[in-house]
Amino acid sequence: MGGNVTSSIGTPLQTLIQATERLEAQAGTIRARSRFYETPCFPAGAGPDYVNAAVALATALKPRALLDALHGIEAAFGRERVERWGQRTLDLDLLAYGDLVLPDLATQDRWRNLPLQEQRLRAPDDLVLPHPRLQERAFVLIPLADIAPDWRHPVLGHTVREMRESLDPADCAGVVALPES
């Protein structure tokens, strides 16, 4: 989860706290939540820095229904999908659903290996799980390591901890835990 602009709730941090409560009310039980982190905007220069976190959710919802619920919560917090990788009040990504690979291995591989230039222009029409680029992003892996360091990527075979350790240290240095409130 993340955000980098003020919502009707308040700051990105305040928005994420409220969104966590809404997520639990509408989608399942929060099993764990990472610390909140200040992270550099991705891609660089696209807006203010983000606040990011990760949650582990126990849910009865199927993956597509869960993604629809996440999008509904985003909309309730003022998220508008205007520009790919643009500024946002709230971004709730479904990173993984256990060890499920959707829609199939070939599609997962295609999106995971998509060149950066095309990633900026194209988004999948269907839900792709695990998230095709989670292994590349410090702003994802550092919070995820707080709550699921031993989760193993069902395609790559690496744990969250291993993927985080393989990142460029300079990328990790920009992800800073916020003081607990």
C-alpha atoms as a PDB file:
ATOM      1  CA  MET A   1       0.000   0.000   0.000  1.00  0.00           C
ATOM      2  CA  GLY A   2       1.171   3.491  -0.657  1.00  0.00           C
ATOM      3  CA  GLY A   3       0.301   7.081  -1.343  1.00  0.00           C
ATOM      4  CA  ASN A   4       2.075  10.320  -2.087  1.00  0.00           C
ATOM      5  CA  VAL A   5      -0.571  13.064  -2.139  1.00  0.00           C
ATOM      6  CA  THR A   6      -3.054  14.290   0.428  1.00  0.00           C
ATOM      7  CA  SER A   7      -6.495  12.712   0.418  1.00  0.00           C
ATOM      8  CA  SER A   8      -9.721  13.875   2.053  1.00  0.00           C
ATOM      9  CA  ILE A   9      -8.488  11.962   5.132  1.00  0.00           C
ATOM     10  CA  GLY A  10      -5.214  13.883   5.370  1.00  0.00           C
ATOM     11  CA  THR A  11      -1.552  13.107   4.786  1.00  0.00           C
ATOM     12  CA  PRO A  12      -0.455   9.933   3.005  1.00  0.00           C
ATOM     13  CA  LEU A  13       0.373   8.369   6.397  1.00  0.00           C
ATOM     14  CA  GLN A  14      -3.069   9.221   7.787  1.00  0.00           C
ATOM     15  CA  THR A  15      -4.630   7.852   4.600  1.00  0.00           C
ATOM     16  CA  LEU A  16      -2.761   4.545   4.886  1.00  0.00           C
ATOM     17  CA  ILE A  17      -3.784   4.122   8.518  1.00  0.00           C
ATOM     18  CA  GLN A  18      -7.452   4.690   7.622  1.00  0.00           C
ATOM     19  CA  ALA A  19      -7.171   2.490   4.520  1.00  0.00           C
ATOM     20  CA  THR A  20      -5.846  -0.362   6.674  1.00  0.00           C
ATOM     21  CA  GLU A  21      -8.951  -0.107   8.835  1.00  0.00           C
ATOM     22  CA  ARG A  22     -11.203  -0.005   5.757  1.00  0.00           C
ATOM     23  CA  LEU A  23      -9.370  -2.988   4.274  1.00  0.00           C
ATOM     24  CA  GLU A  24     -10.032  -5.040   7.375  1.00  0.00           C
ATOM     25  CA  ALA A  25     -13.689  -3.988   7.472  1.00  0.00           C
ATOM     26  CA  GLN A  26     -14.309  -4.852   3.810  1.00  0.00           C
ATOM     27  CA  ALA A  27     -11.887  -7.559   2.738  1.00  0.00           C
ATOM     28  CA  GLY A  28     -10.690  -9.731   5.603  1.00  0.00           C
ATOM     29  CA  THR A  29      -8.547  -9.857   8.716  1.00  0.00           C
ATOM     30  CA  ILE A  30      -5.199  -8.092   8.867  1.00  0.00           C
ATOM     31  CA  ARG A  31      -2.727 -10.732  10.072  1.00  0.00           C
ATOM     32  CA  ALA A  32       0.287  -8.416  10.059  1.00  0.00           C
ATOM     33  CA  ARG A  33       1.254  -4.883   9.058  1.00  0.00           C
ATOM     34  CA  SER A  34       4.721  -3.621   8.343  1.00  0.00           C
ATOM     35  CA  ARG A  35       6.129  -0.394   9.613  1.00  0.00           C
ATOM     36  CA  PHE A  36       5.384   2.667   7.501  1.00  0.00           C
ATOM     37  CA  TYR A  37       8.221   3.791   5.256  1.00  0.00           C
ATOM     38  CA  GLU A  38       9.034   6.976   3.419  1.00  0.00           C
ATOM     39  CA  THR A  39      10.161   5.974  -0.056  1.00  0.00           C
ATOM     40  CA  PRO A  40      11.403   7.824  -3.127  1.00  0.00           C
ATOM     41  CA  CYS A  41       8.805   8.438  -5.788  1.00  0.00           C
ATOM     42  CA  PHE A  42       8.801   5.836  -8.549  1.00  0.00           C
ATOM     43  CA  PRO A  43       9.612   6.595 -11.219  1.00  0.00           C
ATOM     44  CA  ALA A  44      11.992   9.306 -10.043  1.00  0.00           C
ATOM     45  CA  GLY A  45      10.651  12.809 -10.577  1.00  0.00           C
ATOM     46  CA  ALA A  46       7.007  11.743 -10.965  1.00  0.00           C
ATOM     47  CA  GLY A  47       5.884  13.491  -7.802  1.00  0.00           C
ATOM     48  CA  PRO A  48       6.364  13.743  -4.051  1.00  0.00           C
ATOM     49  CA  ASP A  49       7.888  10.851  -2.122  1.00  0.00           C
ATOM     50  CA  TYR A  50       5.592   8.079  -0.956  1.00  0.00           C
ATOM     51  CA  VAL A  51       4.607   6.486   2.289  1.00  0.00           C
ATOM     52  CA  ASN A  52       4.479   2.713   1.827  1.00  0.00           C
ATOM     53  CA  ALA A  53       3.587  -0.295   3.958  1.00  0.00           C
ATOM     54  CA  ALA A  54       2.572  -3.919   3.480  1.00  0.00           C
ATOM     55  CA  VAL A  55      -0.174  -5.967   5.081  1.00  0.00           C
ATOM     56  CA  ALA A  56      -0.870  -9.680   5.231  1.00  0.00           C
ATOM     57  CA  LEU A  57      -4.579 -10.306   4.869  1.00  0.00           C
ATOM     58  CA  ALA A  58      -6.636 -13.412   5.586  1.00  0.00           C
ATOM     59  CA  THR A  59      -9.626 -13.264   3.258  1.00  0.00           C
ATOM     60  CA  ALA A  60     -12.428 -15.402   1.903  1.00  0.00           C
ATOM     61  CA  LEU A  61     -12.443 -13.334  -1.295  1.00  0.00           C
ATOM     62  CA  LYS A  62     -11.092 -14.864  -4.480  1.00  0.00           C
ATOM     63  CA  PRO A  63      -8.188 -12.947  -6.082  1.00  0.00           C
ATOM     64  CA  ARG A  64     -10.262 -10.989  -8.622  1.00  0.00           C
ATOM     65  CA  ALA A  65     -12.906 -10.087  -6.032  1.00  0.00           C
ATOM     66  CA  LEU A  66     -10.151  -8.994  -3.663  1.00  0.00           C
ATOM     67  CA  LEU A  67      -8.586  -6.774  -6.335  1.00  0.00           C
ATOM     68  CA  ASP A  68     -12.010  -5.259  -7.027  1.00  0.00           C
ATOM     69  CA  ALA A  69     -12.410  -4.562  -3.293  1.00  0.00           C
ATOM     70  CA  LEU A  70      -8.966  -2.906  -3.227  1.00  0.00           C
ATOM     71  CA  HIS A  71      -9.905  -0.706  -6.177  1.00  0.00           C
ATOM     72  CA  GLY A  72     -13.156   0.234  -4.438  1.00  0.00           C
ATOM     73  CA  ILE A  73     -11.260   1.293  -1.316  1.00  0.00           C
ATOM     74  CA  GLU A  74      -8.828   3.312  -3.439  1.00  0.00           C
ATOM     75  CA  ALA A  75     -11.748   5.117  -5.086  1.00  0.00           C
ATOM     76  CA  ALA A  76     -13.310   5.851  -1.693  1.00  0.00           C
ATOM     77  CA  PHE A  77     -10.071   7.610  -0.734  1.00  0.00           C
ATOM     78  CA  GLY A  78     -10.043   9.722  -3.884  1.00  0.00           C
ATOM     79  CA  ARG A  79      -7.837   7.608  -6.137  1.00  0.00           C
ATOM     80  CA  GLU A  80      -8.253   8.485  -9.793  1.00  0.00           C
ATOM     81  CA  ARG A  81      -6.531   6.383 -12.446  1.00  0.00           C
ATOM     82  CA  VAL A  82      -5.461   9.174 -14.781  1.00  0.00           C
ATOM     83  CA  GLU A  83      -1.802   8.514 -15.504  1.00  0.00           C
ATOM     84  CA  ARG A  84       0.183   5.263 -15.271  1.00  0.00           C
ATOM     85  CA  TRP A  85       2.630   5.570 -12.373  1.00  0.00           C
ATOM     86  CA  GLY A  86       1.207   8.994 -11.570  1.00  0.00           C
ATOM     87  CA  GLN A  87       0.634  10.624  -8.208  1.00  0.00           C
ATOM     88  CA  ARG A  88      -2.028   9.019  -6.047  1.00  0.00           C
ATOM     89  CA  THR A  89      -3.868   9.403  -2.795  1.00  0.00           C
ATOM     90  CA  LEU A  90      -3.877   5.634  -2.270  1.00  0.00           C
ATOM     91  CA  ASP A  91      -2.464   2.636  -4.093  1.00  0.00           C
ATOM     92  CA  LEU A  92      -3.432  -0.835  -2.914  1.00  0.00           C
ATOM     93  CA  ASP A  93      -1.601  -3.529  -4.856  1.00  0.00           C
ATOM     94  CA  LEU A  94      -2.305  -7.223  -4.599  1.00  0.00           C
ATOM     95  CA  LEU A  95       1.257  -8.568  -4.540  1.00  0.00           C
ATOM     96  CA  ALA A  96       0.553 -12.265  -4.083  1.00  0.00           C
ATOM     97  CA  TYR A  97      -2.165 -14.685  -3.121  1.00  0.00           C
ATOM     98  CA  GLY A  98      -0.336 -17.515  -1.378  1.00  0.00           C
ATOM     99  CA  ASP A  99       1.615 -19.402  -4.024  1.00  0.00           C
ATOM    100  CA  LEU A 100      -0.946 -18.874  -6.780  1.00  0.00           C
ATOM    101  CA  VAL A 101       0.319 -17.950 -10.273  1.00  0.00           C
ATOM    102  CA  LEU A 102      -2.253 -16.102 -12.399  1.00  0.00           C
ATOM    103  CA  PRO A 103      -3.420 -16.167 -15.085  1.00  0.00           C
ATOM    104  CA  ASP A 104      -0.707 -18.646 -16.118  1.00  0.00           C
ATOM    105  CA  LEU A 105       3.071 -19.007 -16.055  1.00  0.00           C
ATOM    106  CA  ALA A 106       3.619 -17.749 -19.621  1.00  0.00           C
ATOM    107  CA  THR A 107       1.658 -14.533 -18.988  1.00  0.00           C
ATOM    108  CA  GLN A 108       3.406 -14.026 -15.639  1.00  0.00           C
ATOM    109  CA  ASP A 109       6.800 -14.434 -17.341  1.00  0.00           C
ATOM    110  CA  ARG A 110       5.873 -12.044 -20.168  1.00  0.00           C
ATOM    111  CA  TRP A 111       4.844  -9.250 -17.788  1.00  0.00           C
ATOM    112  CA  ARG A 112       7.744  -9.866 -15.420  1.00  0.00           C
ATOM    113  CA  ASN A 113      10.226  -9.531 -18.300  1.00  0.00           C
ATOM    114  CA  LEU A 114       8.586  -6.539 -19.994  1.00  0.00           C
ATOM    115  CA  PRO A 115      11.179  -3.827 -20.774  1.00  0.00           C
ATOM    116  CA  LEU A 116      10.941  -0.687 -18.617  1.00  0.00           C
ATOM    117  CA  GLN A 117       9.928   1.512 -21.569  1.00  0.00           C
ATOM    118  CA  GLU A 118       6.914  -0.722 -22.214  1.00  0.00           C
ATOM    119  CA  GLN A 119       6.048  -0.948 -18.504  1.00  0.00           C
ATOM    120  CA  ARG A 120       5.461   2.809 -18.535  1.00  0.00           C
ATOM    121  CA  LEU A 121       2.970   2.475 -21.388  1.00  0.00           C
ATOM    122  CA  ARG A 122       1.208  -0.828 -20.806  1.00  0.00           C
ATOM    123  CA  ALA A 123      -0.697  -2.457 -17.991  1.00  0.00           C
ATOM    124  CA  PRO A 124      -2.067  -5.995 -17.974  1.00  0.00           C
ATOM    125  CA  ASP A 125      -5.730  -6.421 -18.870  1.00  0.00           C
ATOM    126  CA  ASP A 126      -6.024  -9.235 -16.346  1.00  0.00           C
ATOM    127  CA  LEU A 127      -4.779  -9.861 -12.818  1.00  0.00           C
ATOM    128  CA  VAL A 128      -1.170 -11.095 -12.844  1.00  0.00           C
ATOM    129  CA  LEU A 129       0.057 -12.816  -9.681  1.00  0.00           C
ATOM    130  CA  PRO A 130       2.507 -12.596  -8.121  1.00  0.00           C
ATOM    131  CA  HIS A 131       2.912  -8.935  -9.000  1.00  0.00           C
ATOM    132  CA  PRO A 132       5.302  -9.078 -11.956  1.00  0.00           C
ATOM    133  CA  ARG A 133       7.838  -6.593 -10.598  1.00  0.00           C
ATOM    134  CA  LEU A 134       7.703  -6.999  -6.828  1.00  0.00           C
ATOM    135  CA  GLN A 135      11.199  -8.551  -6.886  1.00  0.00           C
ATOM    136  CA  GLU A 136      12.689  -5.339  -8.343  1.00  0.00           C
ATOM    137  CA  ARG A 137      11.339  -2.759  -5.937  1.00  0.00           C
ATOM    138  CA  ALA A 138      12.830  -1.791  -2.592  1.00  0.00           C
ATOM    139  CA  PHE A 139       9.646   0.098  -1.680  1.00  0.00           C
ATOM    140  CA  VAL A 140       7.808  -3.232  -1.896  1.00  0.00           C
ATOM    141  CA  LEU A 141      10.353  -5.715  -0.559  1.00  0.00           C
ATOM    142  CA  ILE A 142      11.489  -3.801   2.524  1.00  0.00           C
ATOM    143  CA  PRO A 143       7.975  -3.461   4.010  1.00  0.00           C
ATOM    144  CA  LEU A 144       7.108  -6.985   2.842  1.00  0.00           C
ATOM    145  CA  ALA A 145      10.181  -8.331   4.650  1.00  0.00           C
ATOM    146  CA  ASP A 146       8.745  -6.942   7.904  1.00  0.00           C
ATOM    147  CA  ILE A 147       5.743  -9.258   7.671  1.00  0.00           C
ATOM    148  CA  ALA A 148       6.658 -12.139   5.345  1.00  0.00           C
ATOM    149  CA  PRO A 149      10.441 -12.521   5.050  1.00  0.00           C
ATOM    150  CA  ASP A 150      10.172 -16.242   4.346  1.00  0.00           C
ATOM    151  CA  TRP A 151       7.403 -16.113   1.719  1.00  0.00           C
ATOM    152  CA  ARG A 152       8.819 -17.785  -1.373  1.00  0.00           C
ATOM    153  CA  HIS A 153       8.050 -16.443  -4.852  1.00  0.00           C
ATOM    154  CA  PRO A 154       6.317 -19.374  -6.584  1.00  0.00           C
ATOM    155  CA  VAL A 155       7.984 -18.672  -9.945  1.00  0.00           C
ATOM    156  CA  LEU A 156      11.420 -17.315  -9.014  1.00  0.00           C
ATOM    157  CA  GLY A 157      11.907 -19.575  -5.999  1.00  0.00           C
ATOM    158  CA  HIS A 158      13.449 -16.828  -3.838  1.00  0.00           C
ATOM    159  CA  THR A 159      12.205 -15.656  -0.449  1.00  0.00           C
ATOM    160  CA  VAL A 160      11.336 -12.030   0.210  1.00  0.00           C
ATOM    161  CA  ARG A 161      14.480 -11.784   2.314  1.00  0.00           C
ATOM    162  CA  GLU A 162      16.628 -13.121  -0.547  1.00  0.00           C
ATOM    163  CA  MET A 163      15.020 -10.798  -3.088  1.00  0.00           C
ATOM    164  CA  ARG A 164      15.513  -7.809  -0.767  1.00  0.00           C
ATOM    165  CA  GLU A 165      19.174  -8.727  -0.209  1.00  0.00           C
ATOM    166  CA  SER A 166      19.737  -8.886  -3.975  1.00  0.00           C
ATOM    167  CA  LEU A 167      18.644  -5.265  -4.485  1.00  0.00           C
ATOM    168  CA  ASP A 168      21.085  -2.432  -5.086  1.00  0.00           C
ATOM    169  CA  PRO A 169      21.995  -1.055  -1.620  1.00  0.00           C
ATOM    170  CA  ALA A 170      21.498   2.488  -2.953  1.00  0.00           C
ATOM    171  CA  ASP A 171      17.846   1.673  -3.726  1.00  0.00           C
ATOM    172  CA  CYS A 172      17.348   0.264  -0.229  1.00  0.00           C
ATOM    173  CA  ALA A 173      18.974   3.272   1.432  1.00  0.00           C
ATOM    174  CA  GLY A 174      16.160   5.501   0.180  1.00  0.00           C
ATOM    175  CA  VAL A 175      13.503   3.467   2.014  1.00  0.00           C
ATOM    176  CA  VAL A 176      13.379   4.863   5.554  1.00  0.00           C
ATOM    177  CA  ALA A 177      11.131   3.643   8.364  1.00  0.00           C
ATOM    178  CA  LEU A 178       8.955   6.360   9.851  1.00  0.00           C
ATOM    179  CA  PRO A 179       8.876   6.711  13.632  1.00  0.00           C
ATOM    180  CA  GLU A 180       6.084   4.664  15.181  1.00  0.00           C
ATOM    181  CA  SER A 181       3.244   6.796  16.456  1.00  0.00           C
END
